[in-house]
PDB file of N, CA and C in Angstrom:
ATOM      1  N   MET A   1       7.286  14.487  -2.555  1.00  0.00           N
ATOM      2  CA  MET A   1       6.055  13.655  -2.630  1.00  0.00           C
ATOM      3  C   MET A   1       5.213  13.610  -1.358  1.00  0.00           C
ATOM      4  N   VAL A   2       5.847  13.588  -0.316  1.00  0.00           N
ATOM      5  CA  VAL A   2       5.168  13.634   1.029  1.00  0.00           C
ATOM      6  C   VAL A   2       4.331  14.857   1.097  1.00  0.00           C
ATOM      7  N   ARG A   3       4.883  16.095   0.698  1.00  0.00           N
ATOM      8  CA  ARG A   3       4.088  17.213   0.676  1.00  0.00           C
ATOM      9  C   ARG A   3       2.993  17.276  -0.265  1.00  0.00           C
ATOM     10  N   GLU A   4       3.211  16.702  -1.459  1.00  0.00           N
ATOM     11  CA  GLU A   4       2.180  16.617  -2.463  1.00  0.00           C
ATOM     12  C   GLU A   4       0.991  15.766  -1.988  1.00  0.00           C
ATOM     13  N   CYS A   5       1.242  14.731  -1.261  1.00  0.00           N
ATOM     14  CA  CYS A   5       0.184  13.822  -0.740  1.00  0.00           C
ATOM     15  C   CYS A   5      -0.661  14.711   0.281  1.00  0.00           C
ATOM     16  N   GLN A   6       0.016  15.516   1.119  1.00  0.00           N
ATOM     17  CA  GLN A   6      -0.757  16.250   2.009  1.00  0.00           C
ATOM     18  C   GLN A   6      -1.594  17.391   1.367  1.00  0.00           C
ATOM     19  N   GLU A   7      -1.011  18.039   0.336  1.00  0.00           N
ATOM     20  CA  GLU A   7      -1.674  19.068  -0.398  1.00  0.00           C
ATOM     21  C   GLU A   7      -2.777  18.513  -1.305  1.00  0.00           C
ATOM     22  N   GLU A   8      -2.608  17.438  -2.037  1.00  0.00           N
ATOM     23  CA  GLU A   8      -3.613  17.051  -2.980  1.00  0.00           C
ATOM     24  C   GLU A   8      -4.496  15.852  -2.550  1.00  0.00           C
ATOM     25  N   LEU A   9      -4.028  15.046  -1.560  1.00  0.00           N
ATOM     26  CA  LEU A   9      -4.817  13.950  -1.104  1.00  0.00           C
ATOM     27  C   LEU A   9      -5.255  14.121   0.341  1.00  0.00           C
ATOM     28  N   HIS A  10      -4.815  15.259   0.984  1.00  0.00           N
ATOM     29  CA  HIS A  10      -5.151  15.544   2.352  1.00  0.00           C
ATOM     30  C   HIS A  10      -4.837  14.393   3.293  1.00  0.00           C
ATOM     31  N   ALA A  11      -3.654  13.822   2.991  1.00  0.00           N
ATOM     32  CA  ALA A  11      -3.302  12.527   3.788  1.00  0.00           C
ATOM     33  C   ALA A  11      -1.831  12.656   4.153  1.00  0.00           C
ATOM     34  N   ALA A  12      -1.449  12.176   5.370  1.00  0.00           N
ATOM     35  CA  ALA A  12      -0.083  12.126   5.797  1.00  0.00           C
ATOM     36  C   ALA A  12       0.551  10.848   5.099  1.00  0.00           C
ATOM     37  N   ALA A  13       1.795  11.088   4.698  1.00  0.00           N
ATOM     38  CA  ALA A  13       2.556   9.981   4.013  1.00  0.00           C
ATOM     39  C   ALA A  13       4.006  10.025   4.507  1.00  0.00           C
ATOM     40  N   VAL A  14       4.618   8.834   4.433  1.00  0.00           N
ATOM     41  CA  VAL A  14       6.034   8.844   4.745  1.00  0.00           C
ATOM     42  C   VAL A  14       6.698   7.904   3.599  1.00  0.00           C
ATOM     43  N   ALA A  15       7.965   8.136   3.268  1.00  0.00           N
ATOM     44  CA  ALA A  15       8.687   7.388   2.285  1.00  0.00           C
ATOM     45  C   ALA A  15       8.579   5.876   2.656  1.00  0.00           C
ATOM     46  N   GLY A  16       8.311   4.988   1.778  1.00  0.00           N
ATOM     47  CA  GLY A  16       8.148   3.620   1.874  1.00  0.00           C
ATOM     48  C   GLY A  16       9.540   2.965   2.073  1.00  0.00           C
ATOM     49  N   ARG A  17       9.532   1.748   2.621  1.00  0.00           N
ATOM     50  CA  ARG A  17      10.765   1.051   2.846  1.00  0.00           C
ATOM     51  C   ARG A  17      11.494   0.447   1.611  1.00  0.00           C
ATOM     52  N   VAL A  18      10.626   0.310   0.570  1.00  0.00           N
ATOM     53  CA  VAL A  18      11.212  -0.264  -0.762  1.00  0.00           C
ATOM     54  C   VAL A  18      12.197   0.619  -1.405  1.00  0.00           C
ATOM     55  N   ALA A  19      11.968   1.891  -1.450  1.00  0.00           N
ATOM     56  CA  ALA A  19      12.970   2.795  -2.118  1.00  0.00           C
ATOM     57  C   ALA A  19      13.399   4.104  -1.332  1.00  0.00           C
ATOM     58  N   GLY A  20      12.771   4.187  -0.065  1.00  0.00           N
ATOM     59  CA  GLY A  20      13.019   5.333   0.721  1.00  0.00           C
ATOM     60  C   GLY A  20      12.531   6.553   0.014  1.00  0.00           C
ATOM     61  N   GLU A  21      13.375   7.612   0.006  1.00  0.00           N
ATOM     62  CA  GLU A  21      12.943   8.933  -0.543  1.00  0.00           C
ATOM     63  C   GLU A  21      13.268   9.032  -2.017  1.00  0.00           C
ATOM     64  N   ARG A  22      13.833   8.005  -2.626  1.00  0.00           N
ATOM     65  CA  ARG A  22      14.177   8.035  -4.031  1.00  0.00           C
ATOM     66  C   ARG A  22      13.019   7.571  -4.930  1.00  0.00           C
ATOM     67  N   PRO A  23      12.909   7.957  -6.168  1.00  0.00           N
ATOM     68  CA  PRO A  23      11.885   7.391  -7.032  1.00  0.00           C
ATOM     69  C   PRO A  23      12.237   5.913  -7.234  1.00  0.00           C
ATOM     70  N   PHE A  24      11.147   5.131  -7.173  1.00  0.00           N
ATOM     71  CA  PHE A  24      11.224   3.603  -7.388  1.00  0.00           C
ATOM     72  C   PHE A  24      11.157   3.289  -8.895  1.00  0.00           C
ATOM     73  N   PHE A  25      10.654   4.143  -9.678  1.00  0.00           N
ATOM     74  CA  PHE A  25      10.390   3.854 -11.087  1.00  0.00           C
ATOM     75  C   PHE A  25      10.381   5.160 -11.864  1.00  0.00           C
ATOM     76  N   VAL A  26      10.846   5.258 -13.104  1.00  0.00           N
ATOM     77  CA  VAL A  26      10.801   6.488 -13.846  1.00  0.00           C
ATOM     78  C   VAL A  26      10.282   6.027 -15.268  1.00  0.00           C
ATOM     79  N   THR A  27       9.342   6.824 -15.777  1.00  0.00           N
ATOM     80  CA  THR A  27       8.837   6.482 -17.083  1.00  0.00           C
ATOM     81  C   THR A  27       8.660   7.753 -17.979  1.00  0.00           C
ATOM     82  N   CYS A  28       8.505   7.517 -19.230  1.00  0.00           N
ATOM     83  CA  CYS A  28       8.355   8.506 -20.194  1.00  0.00           C
ATOM     84  C   CYS A  28       7.251   8.056 -21.170  1.00  0.00           C
ATOM     85  N   ALA A  29       6.170   8.848 -21.248  1.00  0.00           N
ATOM     86  CA  ALA A  29       5.029   8.436 -22.114  1.00  0.00           C
ATOM     87  C   ALA A  29       4.448   9.600 -22.755  1.00  0.00           C
ATOM     88  N   ARG A  30       3.912   9.397 -23.940  1.00  0.00           N
ATOM     89  CA  ARG A  30       3.041  10.399 -24.647  1.00  0.00           C
ATOM     90  C   ARG A  30       1.729  10.358 -23.993  1.00  0.00           C
ATOM     91  N   THR A  31       1.187  11.637 -23.664  1.00  0.00           N
ATOM     92  CA  THR A  31      -0.168  11.736 -23.101  1.00  0.00           C
ATOM     93  C   THR A  31      -1.108  11.675 -24.252  1.00  0.00           C
ATOM     94  N   ARG A  32      -2.474  11.444 -23.881  1.00  0.00           N
ATOM     95  CA  ARG A  32      -3.469  11.326 -24.904  1.00  0.00           C
ATOM     96  C   ARG A  32      -4.357  12.573 -24.926  1.00  0.00           C
ATOM     97  N   GLY A  33      -5.079  12.818 -25.993  1.00  0.00           N
ATOM     98  CA  GLY A  33      -6.082  13.878 -26.069  1.00  0.00           C
ATOM     99  C   GLY A  33      -5.430  15.182 -26.577  1.00  0.00           C
ATOM    100  N   GLU A  34      -6.301  16.199 -26.425  1.00  0.00           N
ATOM    101  CA  GLU A  34      -5.889  17.584 -26.872  1.00  0.00           C
ATOM    102  C   GLU A  34      -4.762  18.039 -25.935  1.00  0.00           C
ATOM    103  N   GLY A  35      -3.762  18.676 -26.524  1.00  0.00           N
ATOM    104  CA  GLY A  35      -2.608  19.188 -25.783  1.00  0.00           C
ATOM    105  C   GLY A  35      -1.668  18.007 -25.342  1.00  0.00           C
ATOM    106  N   ALA A  36      -1.721  16.966 -26.121  1.00  0.00           N
ATOM    107  CA  ALA A  36      -0.820  15.778 -25.843  1.00  0.00           C
ATOM    108  C   ALA A  36       0.649  16.325 -25.746  1.00  0.00           C
ATOM    109  N   HIS A  37       1.386  15.654 -24.927  1.00  0.00           N
ATOM    110  CA  HIS A  37       2.836  16.000 -24.759  1.00  0.00           C
ATOM    111  C   HIS A  37       3.524  14.805 -24.178  1.00  0.00           C
ATOM    112  N   THR A  38       4.826  14.884 -24.043  1.00  0.00           N
ATOM    113  CA  THR A  38       5.584  13.838 -23.471  1.00  0.00           C
ATOM    114  C   THR A  38       5.635  14.075 -21.949  1.00  0.00           C
ATOM    115  N   ASP A  39       5.312  13.058 -21.192  1.00  0.00           N
ATOM    116  CA  ASP A  39       5.235  13.155 -19.667  1.00  0.00           C
ATOM    117  C   ASP A  39       6.285  12.279 -19.087  1.00  0.00           C
ATOM    118  N   VAL A  40       7.204  12.878 -18.314  1.00  0.00           N
ATOM    119  CA  VAL A  40       8.131  12.049 -17.577  1.00  0.00           C
ATOM    120  C   VAL A  40       7.715  12.055 -16.185  1.00  0.00           C
ATOM    121  N   SER A  41       7.641  10.832 -15.636  1.00  0.00           N
ATOM    122  CA  SER A  41       6.965  10.632 -14.393  1.00  0.00           C
ATOM    123  C   SER A  41       8.047   9.923 -13.391  1.00  0.00           C
ATOM    124  N   LEU A  42       8.049  10.482 -12.262  1.00  0.00           N
ATOM    125  CA  LEU A  42       8.874   9.759 -11.162  1.00  0.00           C
ATOM    126  C   LEU A  42       7.822   9.086 -10.252  1.00  0.00           C
ATOM    127  N   TRP A  43       7.957   7.772 -10.076  1.00  0.00           N
ATOM    128  CA  TRP A  43       7.034   6.984  -9.264  1.00  0.00           C
ATOM    129  C   TRP A  43       7.681   6.734  -7.895  1.00  0.00           C
ATOM    130  N   TYR A  44       6.943   7.024  -6.779  1.00  0.00           N
ATOM    131  CA  TYR A  44       7.399   6.818  -5.491  1.00  0.00           C
ATOM    132  C   TYR A  44       6.557   5.751  -4.858  1.00  0.00           C
ATOM    133  N   VAL A  45       7.134   5.061  -3.852  1.00  0.00           N
ATOM    134  CA  VAL A  45       6.405   4.166  -2.972  1.00  0.00           C
ATOM    135  C   VAL A  45       6.281   4.844  -1.575  1.00  0.00           C
ATOM    136  N   LEU A  46       5.070   5.003  -1.151  1.00  0.00           N
ATOM    137  CA  LEU A  46       4.800   5.732   0.098  1.00  0.00           C
ATOM    138  C   LEU A  46       3.908   4.871   1.047  1.00  0.00           C
ATOM    139  N   ASP A  47       4.069   5.026   2.299  1.00  0.00           N
ATOM    140  CA  ASP A  47       3.124   4.546   3.365  1.00  0.00           C
ATOM    141  C   ASP A  47       2.118   5.721   3.537  1.00  0.00           C
ATOM    142  N   LEU A  48       0.874   5.504   3.369  1.00  0.00           N
ATOM    143  CA  LEU A  48      -0.055   6.548   3.284  1.00  0.00           C
ATOM    144  C   LEU A  48      -1.206   6.291   4.228  1.00  0.00           C
ATOM    145  N   ASP A  49      -1.639   7.250   4.973  1.00  0.00           N
ATOM    146  CA  ASP A  49      -2.870   7.199   5.718  1.00  0.00           C
ATOM    147  C   ASP A  49      -4.087   7.047   4.725  1.00  0.00           C
ATOM    148  N   THR A  50      -5.231   6.778   5.326  1.00  0.00           N
ATOM    149  CA  THR A  50      -6.452   6.752   4.590  1.00  0.00           C
ATOM    150  C   THR A  50      -6.787   8.066   3.926  1.00  0.00           C
ATOM    151  N   VAL A  51      -7.164   8.036   2.672  1.00  0.00           N
ATOM    152  CA  VAL A  51      -7.552   9.345   1.926  1.00  0.00           C
ATOM    153  C   VAL A  51      -9.118   9.381   2.109  1.00  0.00           C
ATOM    154  N   VAL A  52      -9.576  10.484   2.677  1.00  0.00           N
ATOM    155  CA  VAL A  52     -10.967  10.684   2.911  1.00  0.00           C
ATOM    156  C   VAL A  52     -11.468  11.841   2.085  1.00  0.00           C
ATOM    157  N   SER A  53     -10.562  12.673   1.602  1.00  0.00           N
ATOM    158  CA  SER A  53     -10.874  13.730   0.685  1.00  0.00           C
ATOM    159  C   SER A  53      -9.655  14.011  -0.155  1.00  0.00           C
ATOM    160  N   TYR A  54      -9.885  14.774  -1.183  1.00  0.00           N
ATOM    161  CA  TYR A  54      -8.832  15.046  -2.100  1.00  0.00           C
ATOM    162  C   TYR A  54      -9.088  16.311  -2.850  1.00  0.00           C
ATOM    163  N   ASP A  55      -8.157  16.961  -3.415  1.00  0.00           N
ATOM    164  CA  ASP A  55      -8.273  18.234  -4.164  1.00  0.00           C
ATOM    165  C   ASP A  55      -8.868  17.939  -5.596  1.00  0.00           C
ATOM    166  N   ARG A  56     -10.153  18.324  -5.651  1.00  0.00           N
ATOM    167  CA  ARG A  56     -10.919  18.052  -6.820  1.00  0.00           C
ATOM    168  C   ARG A  56     -10.466  18.794  -8.119  1.00  0.00           C
ATOM    169  N   ARG A  57      -9.610  19.830  -7.817  1.00  0.00           N
ATOM    170  CA  ARG A  57      -9.034  20.536  -8.979  1.00  0.00           C
ATOM    171  C   ARG A  57      -7.896  19.680  -9.616  1.00  0.00           C
ATOM    172  N   GLU A  58      -7.284  18.767  -8.881  1.00  0.00           N
ATOM    173  CA  GLU A  58      -6.231  17.943  -9.301  1.00  0.00           C
ATOM    174  C   GLU A  58      -6.693  16.609  -9.877  1.00  0.00           C
ATOM    175  N   PHE A  59      -7.764  16.096  -9.347  1.00  0.00           N
ATOM    176  CA  PHE A  59      -8.101  14.710  -9.726  1.00  0.00           C
ATOM    177  C   PHE A  59      -9.638  14.619  -9.946  1.00  0.00           C
ATOM    178  N   ALA A  60      -9.969  13.888 -11.063  1.00  0.00           N
ATOM    179  CA  ALA A  60     -11.361  13.632 -11.315  1.00  0.00           C
ATOM    180  C   ALA A  60     -11.995  12.653 -10.362  1.00  0.00           C
ATOM    181  N   GLY A  61     -11.155  11.772  -9.833  1.00  0.00           N
ATOM    182  CA  GLY A  61     -11.583  10.844  -8.878  1.00  0.00           C
ATOM    183  C   GLY A  61     -10.409  10.092  -8.359  1.00  0.00           C
ATOM    184  N   VAL A  62     -10.623   9.338  -7.221  1.00  0.00           N
ATOM    185  CA  VAL A  62      -9.673   8.595  -6.578  1.00  0.00           C
ATOM    186  C   VAL A  62     -10.138   7.151  -6.390  1.00  0.00           C
ATOM    187  N   ARG A  63      -9.455   6.119  -6.747  1.00  0.00           N
ATOM    188  CA  ARG A  63      -9.837   4.740  -6.444  1.00  0.00           C
ATOM    189  C   ARG A  63      -8.556   3.987  -5.954  1.00  0.00           C
ATOM    190  N   TRP A  64      -8.777   2.972  -5.173  1.00  0.00           N
ATOM    191  CA  TRP A  64      -7.637   2.151  -4.600  1.00  0.00           C
ATOM    192  C   TRP A  64      -7.840   0.752  -5.119  1.00  0.00           C
ATOM    193  N   PHE A  65      -6.666   0.197  -5.574  1.00  0.00           N
ATOM    194  CA  PHE A  65      -6.677  -1.141  -6.055  1.00  0.00           C
ATOM    195  C   PHE A  65      -5.576  -1.981  -5.367  1.00  0.00           C
ATOM    196  N   ALA A  66      -5.890  -3.230  -5.146  1.00  0.00           N
ATOM    197  CA  ALA A  66      -4.848  -4.217  -4.657  1.00  0.00           C
ATOM    198  C   ALA A  66      -3.996  -4.472  -5.924  1.00  0.00           C
ATOM    199  N   PRO A  67      -2.797  -4.805  -5.743  1.00  0.00           N
ATOM    200  CA  PRO A  67      -1.870  -5.098  -6.903  1.00  0.00           C
ATOM    201  C   PRO A  67      -2.452  -6.110  -7.874  1.00  0.00           C
ATOM    202  N   GLN A  68      -2.996  -7.160  -7.491  1.00  0.00           N
ATOM    203  CA  GLN A  68      -3.551  -8.089  -8.377  1.00  0.00           C
ATOM    204  C   GLN A  68      -4.750  -7.577  -9.176  1.00  0.00           C
ATOM    205  N   GLN A  69      -5.523  -6.708  -8.553  1.00  0.00           N
ATOM    206  CA  GLN A  69      -6.688  -6.043  -9.301  1.00  0.00           C
ATOM    207  C   GLN A  69      -6.090  -5.151 -10.405  1.00  0.00           C
ATOM    208  N   ILE A  70      -4.985  -4.509 -10.168  1.00  0.00           N
ATOM    209  CA  ILE A  70      -4.349  -3.635 -11.225  1.00  0.00           C
ATOM    210  C   ILE A  70      -3.970  -4.513 -12.417  1.00  0.00           C
ATOM    211  N   LEU A  71      -3.308  -5.664 -12.054  1.00  0.00           N
ATOM    212  CA  LEU A  71      -2.848  -6.550 -13.224  1.00  0.00           C
ATOM    213  C   LEU A  71      -3.986  -7.117 -13.906  1.00  0.00           C
ATOM    214  N   GLU A  72      -5.077  -7.196 -13.411  1.00  0.00           N
ATOM    215  CA  GLU A  72      -6.387  -7.716 -14.092  1.00  0.00           C
ATOM    216  C   GLU A  72      -7.026  -6.699 -14.893  1.00  0.00           C
ATOM    217  N   GLU A  73      -6.705  -5.351 -14.771  1.00  0.00           N
ATOM    218  CA  GLU A  73      -7.247  -4.387 -15.572  1.00  0.00           C
ATOM    219  C   GLU A  73      -6.700  -4.292 -16.876  1.00  0.00           C
ATOM    220  N   PRO A  74      -7.506  -3.997 -17.937  1.00  0.00           N
ATOM    221  CA  PRO A  74      -6.879  -3.938 -19.292  1.00  0.00           C
ATOM    222  C   PRO A  74      -5.853  -2.763 -19.329  1.00  0.00           C
ATOM    223  N   ILE A  75      -4.718  -2.978 -19.950  1.00  0.00           N
ATOM    224  CA  ILE A  75      -3.633  -2.045 -19.949  1.00  0.00           C
ATOM    225  C   ILE A  75      -4.081  -0.664 -20.617  1.00  0.00           C
ATOM    226  N   GLY A  76      -5.012  -0.695 -21.503  1.00  0.00           N
ATOM    227  CA  GLY A  76      -5.485   0.473 -22.149  1.00  0.00           C
ATOM    228  C   GLY A  76      -6.262   1.531 -21.247  1.00  0.00           C
ATOM    229  N   VAL A  77      -6.651   1.067 -20.089  1.00  0.00           N
ATOM    230  CA  VAL A  77      -7.430   1.933 -19.236  1.00  0.00           C
ATOM    231  C   VAL A  77      -6.595   2.623 -18.166  1.00  0.00           C
ATOM    232  N   LEU A  78      -5.448   2.105 -17.958  1.00  0.00           N
ATOM    233  CA  LEU A  78      -4.481   2.625 -16.978  1.00  0.00           C
ATOM    234  C   LEU A  78      -3.337   3.294 -17.658  1.00  0.00           C
ATOM    235  N   ASP A  79      -2.532   3.948 -16.680  1.00  0.00           N
ATOM    236  CA  ASP A  79      -1.195   4.457 -17.233  1.00  0.00           C
ATOM    237  C   ASP A  79      -0.482   3.304 -17.994  1.00  0.00           C
ATOM    238  N   PRO A  80       0.122   3.554 -19.147  1.00  0.00           N
ATOM    239  CA  PRO A  80       0.596   2.501 -19.940  1.00  0.00           C
ATOM    240  C   PRO A  80       1.865   1.782 -19.230  1.00  0.00           C
ATOM    241  N   HIS A  81       2.322   2.395 -18.138  1.00  0.00           N
ATOM    242  CA  HIS A  81       3.500   1.659 -17.407  1.00  0.00           C
ATOM    243  C   HIS A  81       3.029   1.050 -16.080  1.00  0.00           C
ATOM    244  N   MET A  82       1.690   1.066 -15.728  1.00  0.00           N
ATOM    245  CA  MET A  82       1.221   0.730 -14.502  1.00  0.00           C
ATOM    246  C   MET A  82       1.457  -0.828 -14.205  1.00  0.00           C
ATOM    247  N   HIS A  83       1.276  -1.661 -15.182  1.00  0.00           N
ATOM    248  CA  HIS A  83       1.490  -3.153 -14.966  1.00  0.00           C
ATOM    249  C   HIS A  83       2.920  -3.388 -14.699  1.00  0.00           C
ATOM    250  N   ARG A  84       3.877  -2.753 -15.393  1.00  0.00           N
ATOM    251  CA  ARG A  84       5.272  -2.940 -15.110  1.00  0.00           C
ATOM    252  C   ARG A  84       5.706  -2.387 -13.682  1.00  0.00           C
ATOM    253  N   PHE A  85       5.094  -1.185 -13.299  1.00  0.00           N
ATOM    254  CA  PHE A  85       5.336  -0.742 -11.973  1.00  0.00           C
ATOM    255  C   PHE A  85       4.912  -1.744 -10.897  1.00  0.00           C
ATOM    256  N   VAL A  86       3.749  -2.271 -11.085  1.00  0.00           N
ATOM    257  CA  VAL A  86       3.165  -3.152 -10.025  1.00  0.00           C
ATOM    258  C   VAL A  86       3.958  -4.443  -9.928  1.00  0.00           C
ATOM    259  N   ARG A  87       4.360  -4.946 -11.099  1.00  0.00           N
ATOM    260  CA  ARG A  87       5.236  -6.132 -11.034  1.00  0.00           C
ATOM    261  C   ARG A  87       6.574  -5.906 -10.353  1.00  0.00           C
ATOM    262  N   LYS A  88       7.142  -4.709 -10.651  1.00  0.00           N
ATOM    263  CA  LYS A  88       8.438  -4.304  -9.998  1.00  0.00           C
ATOM    264  C   LYS A  88       8.188  -4.162  -8.420  1.00  0.00           C
ATOM    265  N   LEU A  89       7.152  -3.564  -8.104  1.00  0.00           N
ATOM    266  CA  LEU A  89       6.755  -3.297  -6.670  1.00  0.00           C
ATOM    267  C   LEU A  89       6.608  -4.704  -5.986  1.00  0.00           C
ATOM    268  N   MET A  90       5.865  -5.571  -6.656  1.00  0.00           N
ATOM    269  CA  MET A  90       5.575  -6.872  -6.080  1.00  0.00           C
ATOM    270  C   MET A  90       6.899  -7.616  -5.827  1.00  0.00           C
ATOM    271  N   ASN A  91       7.834  -7.574  -6.813  1.00  0.00           N
ATOM    272  CA  ASN A  91       9.100  -8.211  -6.546  1.00  0.00           C
ATOM    273  C   ASN A  91       9.970  -7.593  -5.566  1.00  0.00           C
ATOM    274  N   GLY A  92       9.816  -6.227  -5.420  1.00  0.00           N
ATOM    275  CA  GLY A  92      10.515  -5.528  -4.329  1.00  0.00           C
ATOM    276  C   GLY A  92      10.155  -5.752  -2.923  1.00  0.00           C
ATOM    277  N   LEU A  93       8.775  -6.124  -2.824  1.00  0.00           N
ATOM    278  CA  LEU A  93       8.314  -6.445  -1.474  1.00  0.00           C
ATOM    279  C   LEU A  93       8.628  -7.860  -1.063  1.00  0.00           C
TER     280      LEU A  93
END
């Protein structure tokens, strides 16, 4: 994950204290749209430097939210597991 952050977000990252180098959360969800498939995701908690650029081939955009802002977003516009992840993260901190 640290390498992925460097390659795709152009930012240095280190494993966070909550889970270390292990995934903090694992999910399985059906993707939307054409080419829909089952997506198994490993969620990591990282300490990350500021992102000032990113690989535009990988992301349509990048936005940062405080945990409470995520919980205020409608569940339908985010990853279907995002609210559960944030609640677990807040409890872990």
